[in-house]
Amino acid sequence: MNVASLDHDMWWHRPARADEWLLYVQESPSAQGARGLATGRIFNRAGQHVASVAQEGMIRVPGRVPGA
């Protein structure tokens, strides 16, 4: 199996402390043709949206054609 992280990003919208409680909400809005996209939002205890993340990945099985 061939696995790769094609792209990943993180955007900080306001200051946040890593030593305090944070909620991470994740979804995968698209997955097809051996590639997938995952996005996430990070909130602090007060419910403020402090950061956003996105990652695109690829998983291929040798000898198989994506989408077939």
PDB file of N, CA and C in Angstrom:
ATOM      1  N   MET A   1       0.852  -1.163   0.000  1.00  0.00           N
ATOM      2  CA  MET A   1       0.000   0.000   0.000  1.00  0.00           C
ATOM      3  C   MET A   1       0.907   1.238   0.000  1.00  0.00           C
ATOM      4  N   ASN A   2       0.589   2.200  -0.837  1.00  0.00           N
ATOM      5  CA  ASN A   2       1.302   3.475  -0.876  1.00  0.00           C
ATOM      6  C   ASN A   2       0.438   4.536  -0.193  1.00  0.00           C
ATOM      7  N   VAL A   3       1.007   5.195   0.800  1.00  0.00           N
ATOM      8  CA  VAL A   3       0.279   6.210   1.567  1.00  0.00           C
ATOM      9  C   VAL A   3       1.112   7.489   1.574  1.00  0.00           C
ATOM     10  N   ALA A   4       0.459   8.619   1.355  1.00  0.00           N
ATOM     11  CA  ALA A   4       1.173   9.897   1.375  1.00  0.00           C
ATOM     12  C   ALA A   4       0.249  11.009   1.868  1.00  0.00           C
ATOM     13  N   SER A   5       0.836  11.949   2.599  1.00  0.00           N
ATOM     14  CA  SER A   5       0.143  13.178   2.957  1.00  0.00           C
ATOM     15  C   SER A   5       0.504  14.194   1.876  1.00  0.00           C
ATOM     16  N   LEU A   6      -0.480  14.595   1.077  1.00  0.00           N
ATOM     17  CA  LEU A   6      -0.212  15.471  -0.060  1.00  0.00           C
ATOM     18  C   LEU A   6      -0.110  16.940   0.332  1.00  0.00           C
ATOM     19  N   ASP A   7      -0.902  17.351   1.285  1.00  0.00           N
ATOM     20  CA  ASP A   7      -0.911  18.760   1.666  1.00  0.00           C
ATOM     21  C   ASP A   7      -1.547  18.878   3.040  1.00  0.00           C
ATOM     22  N   HIS A   8      -1.045  19.764   3.862  1.00  0.00           N
ATOM     23  CA  HIS A   8      -1.667  20.022   5.154  1.00  0.00           C
ATOM     24  C   HIS A   8      -1.410  21.471   5.553  1.00  0.00           C
ATOM     25  N   ASP A   9      -2.402  22.059   6.191  1.00  0.00           N
ATOM     26  CA  ASP A   9      -2.342  23.465   6.584  1.00  0.00           C
ATOM     27  C   ASP A   9      -3.007  23.666   7.937  1.00  0.00           C
ATOM     28  N   MET A  10      -2.593  24.730   8.617  1.00  0.00           N
ATOM     29  CA  MET A  10      -3.210  25.106   9.889  1.00  0.00           C
ATOM     30  C   MET A  10      -3.272  26.630   9.940  1.00  0.00           C
ATOM     31  N   TRP A  11      -4.436  27.139  10.290  1.00  0.00           N
ATOM     32  CA  TRP A  11      -4.648  28.579  10.397  1.00  0.00           C
ATOM     33  C   TRP A  11      -5.072  28.908  11.820  1.00  0.00           C
ATOM     34  N   TRP A  12      -4.374  29.832  12.463  1.00  0.00           N
ATOM     35  CA  TRP A  12      -4.726  30.291  13.812  1.00  0.00           C
ATOM     36  C   TRP A  12      -5.552  31.562  13.687  1.00  0.00           C
ATOM     37  N   HIS A  13      -6.735  31.564  14.304  1.00  0.00           N
ATOM     38  CA  HIS A  13      -7.641  32.704  14.237  1.00  0.00           C
ATOM     39  C   HIS A  13      -7.543  33.610  15.465  1.00  0.00           C
ATOM     40  N   ARG A  14      -7.126  33.038  16.585  1.00  0.00           N
ATOM     41  CA  ARG A  14      -6.934  33.814  17.815  1.00  0.00           C
ATOM     42  C   ARG A  14      -6.020  33.002  18.727  1.00  0.00           C
ATOM     43  N   PRO A  15      -5.429  33.634  19.737  1.00  0.00           N
ATOM     44  CA  PRO A  15      -4.527  32.908  20.644  1.00  0.00           C
ATOM     45  C   PRO A  15      -5.248  31.772  21.371  1.00  0.00           C
ATOM     46  N   ALA A  16      -4.520  30.685  21.608  1.00  0.00           N
ATOM     47  CA  ALA A  16      -5.057  29.540  22.352  1.00  0.00           C
ATOM     48  C   ALA A  16      -3.917  28.912  23.145  1.00  0.00           C
ATOM     49  N   ARG A  17      -4.264  28.307  24.254  1.00  0.00           N
ATOM     50  CA  ARG A  17      -3.264  27.640  25.094  1.00  0.00           C
ATOM     51  C   ARG A  17      -3.345  26.137  24.873  1.00  0.00           C
ATOM     52  N   ALA A  18      -2.217  25.524  24.565  1.00  0.00           N
ATOM     53  CA  ALA A  18      -2.177  24.077  24.329  1.00  0.00           C
ATOM     54  C   ALA A  18      -2.299  23.277  25.629  1.00  0.00           C
ATOM     55  N   ASP A  19      -2.093  23.928  26.788  1.00  0.00           N
ATOM     56  CA  ASP A  19      -2.206  23.222  28.062  1.00  0.00           C
ATOM     57  C   ASP A  19      -3.599  23.339  28.673  1.00  0.00           C
ATOM     58  N   GLU A  20      -4.560  23.871  27.915  1.00  0.00           N
ATOM     59  CA  GLU A  20      -5.950  23.945  28.356  1.00  0.00           C
ATOM     60  C   GLU A  20      -6.827  23.102  27.438  1.00  0.00           C
ATOM     61  N   TRP A  21      -8.048  22.840  27.860  1.00  0.00           N
ATOM     62  CA  TRP A  21      -9.003  22.022  27.124  1.00  0.00           C
ATOM     63  C   TRP A  21      -9.306  22.656  25.772  1.00  0.00           C
ATOM     64  N   LEU A  22      -9.255  21.841  24.691  1.00  0.00           N
ATOM     65  CA  LEU A  22      -9.633  22.268  23.349  1.00  0.00           C
ATOM     66  C   LEU A  22     -10.512  21.194  22.731  1.00  0.00           C
ATOM     67  N   LEU A  23     -11.516  21.611  21.978  1.00  0.00           N
ATOM     68  CA  LEU A  23     -12.388  20.679  21.272  1.00  0.00           C
ATOM     69  C   LEU A  23     -11.978  20.655  19.809  1.00  0.00           C
ATOM     70  N   TYR A  24     -11.773  19.445  19.270  1.00  0.00           N
ATOM     71  CA  TYR A  24     -11.398  19.279  17.863  1.00  0.00           C
ATOM     72  C   TYR A  24     -12.570  18.627  17.135  1.00  0.00           C
ATOM     73  N   VAL A  25     -13.135  19.324  16.149  1.00  0.00           N
ATOM     74  CA  VAL A  25     -14.268  18.827  15.365  1.00  0.00           C
ATOM     75  C   VAL A  25     -13.740  18.530  13.961  1.00  0.00           C
ATOM     76  N   GLN A  26     -13.860  17.277  13.533  1.00  0.00           N
ATOM     77  CA  GLN A  26     -13.281  16.849  12.264  1.00  0.00           C
ATOM     78  C   GLN A  26     -14.352  16.293  11.335  1.00  0.00           C
ATOM     79  N   GLU A  27     -14.154  16.508  10.010  1.00  0.00           N
ATOM     80  CA  GLU A  27     -15.026  15.895   9.004  1.00  0.00           C
ATOM     81  C   GLU A  27     -14.198  15.585   7.768  1.00  0.00           C
ATOM     82  N   SER A  28     -14.725  14.709   6.948  1.00  0.00           N
ATOM     83  CA  SER A  28     -14.087  14.354   5.681  1.00  0.00           C
ATOM     84  C   SER A  28     -15.093  14.623   4.572  1.00  0.00           C
ATOM     85  N   PRO A  29     -15.045  15.820   3.979  1.00  0.00           N
ATOM     86  CA  PRO A  29     -16.048  16.190   2.985  1.00  0.00           C
ATOM     87  C   PRO A  29     -15.887  15.500   1.628  1.00  0.00           C
ATOM     88  N   SER A  30     -14.723  14.894   1.362  1.00  0.00           N
ATOM     89  CA  SER A  30     -14.530  14.256   0.062  1.00  0.00           C
ATOM     90  C   SER A  30     -13.506  13.138   0.159  1.00  0.00           C
ATOM     91  N   ALA A  31     -13.818  12.004  -0.462  1.00  0.00           N
ATOM     92  CA  ALA A  31     -12.886  10.879  -0.558  1.00  0.00           C
ATOM     93  C   ALA A  31     -13.244  10.104  -1.816  1.00  0.00           C
ATOM     94  N   GLN A  32     -12.347  10.123  -2.805  1.00  0.00           N
ATOM     95  CA  GLN A  32     -12.574   9.393  -4.056  1.00  0.00           C
ATOM     96  C   GLN A  32     -11.276   9.315  -4.830  1.00  0.00           C
ATOM     97  N   GLY A  33     -11.168   8.347  -5.740  1.00  0.00           N
ATOM     98  CA  GLY A  33     -10.000   8.220  -6.595  1.00  0.00           C
ATOM     99  C   GLY A  33      -8.699   8.097  -5.826  1.00  0.00           C
ATOM    100  N   ALA A  34      -8.695   7.394  -4.709  1.00  0.00           N
ATOM    101  CA  ALA A  34      -7.523   7.139  -3.867  1.00  0.00           C
ATOM    102  C   ALA A  34      -7.067   8.367  -3.077  1.00  0.00           C
ATOM    103  N   ARG A  35      -7.841   9.453  -3.115  1.00  0.00           N
ATOM    104  CA  ARG A  35      -7.482  10.663  -2.378  1.00  0.00           C
ATOM    105  C   ARG A  35      -8.621  11.085  -1.460  1.00  0.00           C
ATOM    106  N   GLY A  36      -8.255  11.691  -0.351  1.00  0.00           N
ATOM    107  CA  GLY A  36      -9.267  12.147   0.590  1.00  0.00           C
ATOM    108  C   GLY A  36      -8.889  13.484   1.194  1.00  0.00           C
ATOM    109  N   LEU A  37      -9.899  14.221   1.600  1.00  0.00           N
ATOM    110  CA  LEU A  37      -9.708  15.518   2.239  1.00  0.00           C
ATOM    111  C   LEU A  37     -10.332  15.473   3.622  1.00  0.00           C
ATOM    112  N   ALA A  38      -9.584  15.930   4.610  1.00  0.00           N
ATOM    113  CA  ALA A  38     -10.106  16.043   5.976  1.00  0.00           C
ATOM    114  C   ALA A  38      -9.937  17.487   6.431  1.00  0.00           C
ATOM    115  N   THR A  39     -10.960  18.013   7.095  1.00  0.00           N
ATOM    116  CA  THR A  39     -10.894  19.361   7.646  1.00  0.00           C
ATOM    117  C   THR A  39     -11.239  19.303   9.125  1.00  0.00           C
ATOM    118  N   GLY A  40     -10.780  20.274   9.855  1.00  0.00           N
ATOM    119  CA  GLY A  40     -11.075  20.306  11.281  1.00  0.00           C
ATOM    120  C   GLY A  40     -11.142  21.729  11.804  1.00  0.00           C
ATOM    121  N   ARG A  41     -11.883  21.885  12.893  1.00  0.00           N
ATOM    122  CA  ARG A  41     -11.995  23.163  13.578  1.00  0.00           C
ATOM    123  C   ARG A  41     -11.669  22.944  15.043  1.00  0.00           C
ATOM    124  N   ILE A  42     -10.942  23.863  15.636  1.00  0.00           N
ATOM    125  CA  ILE A  42     -10.536  23.751  17.033  1.00  0.00           C
ATOM    126  C   ILE A  42     -11.158  24.908  17.811  1.00  0.00           C
ATOM    127  N   PHE A  43     -11.806  24.550  18.932  1.00  0.00           N
ATOM    128  CA  PHE A  43     -12.503  25.530  19.773  1.00  0.00           C
ATOM    129  C   PHE A  43     -11.921  25.499  21.178  1.00  0.00           C
ATOM    130  N   ASN A  44     -11.894  26.655  21.844  1.00  0.00           N
ATOM    131  CA  ASN A  44     -11.471  26.693  23.247  1.00  0.00           C
ATOM    132  C   ASN A  44     -12.669  26.426  24.162  1.00  0.00           C
ATOM    133  N   ARG A  45     -12.415  26.412  25.455  1.00  0.00           N
ATOM    134  CA  ARG A  45     -13.470  26.102  26.430  1.00  0.00           C
ATOM    135  C   ARG A  45     -14.627  27.096  26.361  1.00  0.00           C
ATOM    136  N   ALA A  46     -14.358  28.340  25.967  1.00  0.00           N
ATOM    137  CA  ALA A  46     -15.399  29.367  25.858  1.00  0.00           C
ATOM    138  C   ALA A  46     -16.209  29.242  24.563  1.00  0.00           C
ATOM    139  N   GLY A  47     -15.849  28.280  23.705  1.00  0.00           N
ATOM    140  CA  GLY A  47     -16.579  28.080  22.464  1.00  0.00           C
ATOM    141  C   GLY A  47     -16.075  28.921  21.301  1.00  0.00           C
ATOM    142  N   GLN A  48     -14.959  29.616  21.497  1.00  0.00           N
ATOM    143  CA  GLN A  48     -14.395  30.425  20.418  1.00  0.00           C
ATOM    144  C   GLN A  48     -13.634  29.543  19.433  1.00  0.00           C
ATOM    145  N   HIS A  49     -13.830  29.812  18.162  1.00  0.00           N
ATOM    146  CA  HIS A  49     -13.134  29.084  17.101  1.00  0.00           C
ATOM    147  C   HIS A  49     -11.706  29.624  17.051  1.00  0.00           C
ATOM    148  N   VAL A  50     -10.719  28.824  17.490  1.00  0.00           N
ATOM    149  CA  VAL A  50      -9.347  29.319  17.592  1.00  0.00           C
ATOM    150  C   VAL A  50      -8.455  28.910  16.430  1.00  0.00           C
ATOM    151  N   ALA A  51      -8.783  27.812  15.734  1.00  0.00           N
ATOM    152  CA  ALA A  51      -7.926  27.370  14.629  1.00  0.00           C
ATOM    153  C   ALA A  51      -8.710  26.491  13.664  1.00  0.00           C
ATOM    154  N   SER A  52      -8.205  26.418  12.430  1.00  0.00           N
ATOM    155  CA  SER A  52      -8.762  25.534  11.400  1.00  0.00           C
ATOM    156  C   SER A  52      -7.612  24.727  10.809  1.00  0.00           C
ATOM    157  N   VAL A  53      -7.902  23.490  10.410  1.00  0.00           N
ATOM    158  CA  VAL A  53      -6.885  22.634   9.800  1.00  0.00           C
ATOM    159  C   VAL A  53      -7.470  21.940   8.574  1.00  0.00           C
ATOM    160  N   ALA A  54      -6.601  21.556   7.656  1.00  0.00           N
ATOM    161  CA  ALA A  54      -7.014  20.794   6.475  1.00  0.00           C
ATOM    162  C   ALA A  54      -5.863  19.882   6.073  1.00  0.00           C
ATOM    163  N   GLN A  55      -6.199  18.677   5.607  1.00  0.00           N
ATOM    164  CA  GLN A  55      -5.181  17.740   5.132  1.00  0.00           C
ATOM    165  C   GLN A  55      -5.740  16.920   3.988  1.00  0.00           C
ATOM    166  N   GLU A  56      -4.931  16.773   2.944  1.00  0.00           N
ATOM    167  CA  GLU A  56      -5.273  15.910   1.816  1.00  0.00           C
ATOM    168  C   GLU A  56      -4.320  14.733   1.835  1.00  0.00           C
ATOM    169  N   GLY A  57      -4.862  13.535   1.682  1.00  0.00           N
ATOM    170  CA  GLY A  57      -4.040  12.340   1.703  1.00  0.00           C
ATOM    171  C   GLY A  57      -4.351  11.418   0.547  1.00  0.00           C
ATOM    172  N   MET A  58      -3.427  10.469   0.313  1.00  0.00           N
ATOM    173  CA  MET A  58      -3.592   9.507  -0.770  1.00  0.00           C
ATOM    174  C   MET A  58      -3.278   8.115  -0.226  1.00  0.00           C
ATOM    175  N   ILE A  59      -4.107   7.145  -0.616  1.00  0.00           N
ATOM    176  CA  ILE A  59      -3.853   5.737  -0.287  1.00  0.00           C
ATOM    177  C   ILE A  59      -4.078   4.943  -1.567  1.00  0.00           C
ATOM    178  N   ARG A  60      -3.051   4.246  -2.021  1.00  0.00           N
ATOM    179  CA  ARG A  60      -3.168   3.434  -3.239  1.00  0.00           C
ATOM    180  C   ARG A  60      -2.665   2.029  -2.982  1.00  0.00           C
ATOM    181  N   VAL A  61      -3.380   1.057  -3.506  1.00  0.00           N
ATOM    182  CA  VAL A  61      -2.972  -0.333  -3.449  1.00  0.00           C
ATOM    183  C   VAL A  61      -2.277  -0.645  -4.772  1.00  0.00           C
ATOM    184  N   PRO A  62      -1.020  -1.111  -4.761  1.00  0.00           N
ATOM    185  CA  PRO A  62      -0.316  -1.408  -6.006  1.00  0.00           C
ATOM    186  C   PRO A  62      -1.107  -2.361  -6.888  1.00  0.00           C
ATOM    187  N   GLY A  63      -1.157  -2.044  -8.193  1.00  0.00           N
ATOM    188  CA  GLY A  63      -1.863  -2.898  -9.154  1.00  0.00           C
ATOM    189  C   GLY A  63      -3.337  -2.548  -9.338  1.00  0.00           C
ATOM    190  N   ARG A  64      -3.882  -1.660  -8.515  1.00  0.00           N
ATOM    191  CA  ARG A  64      -5.290  -1.256  -8.655  1.00  0.00           C
ATOM    192  C   ARG A  64      -5.359   0.130  -9.261  1.00  0.00           C
ATOM    193  N   VAL A  65      -6.344   0.342 -10.089  1.00  0.00           N
ATOM    194  CA  VAL A  65      -6.565   1.635 -10.738  1.00  0.00           C
ATOM    195  C   VAL A  65      -7.534   2.449  -9.890  1.00  0.00           C
ATOM    196  N   PRO A  66      -7.135   3.683  -9.446  1.00  0.00           N
ATOM    197  CA  PRO A  66      -8.053   4.509  -8.657  1.00  0.00           C
ATOM    198  C   PRO A  66      -9.379   4.753  -9.379  1.00  0.00           C
ATOM    199  N   GLY A  67     -10.470   4.595  -8.659  1.00  0.00           N
ATOM    200  CA  GLY A  67     -11.796   4.856  -9.220  1.00  0.00           C
ATOM    201  C   GLY A  67     -12.397   3.680  -9.959  1.00  0.00           C
ATOM    202  N   ALA A  68     -11.625   2.591 -10.118  1.00  0.00           N
ATOM    203  CA  ALA A  68     -12.141   1.417 -10.854  1.00  0.00           C
ATOM    204  C   ALA A  68     -12.876   0.468  -9.941  1.00  0.00           C
TER     205      ALA A  68
END
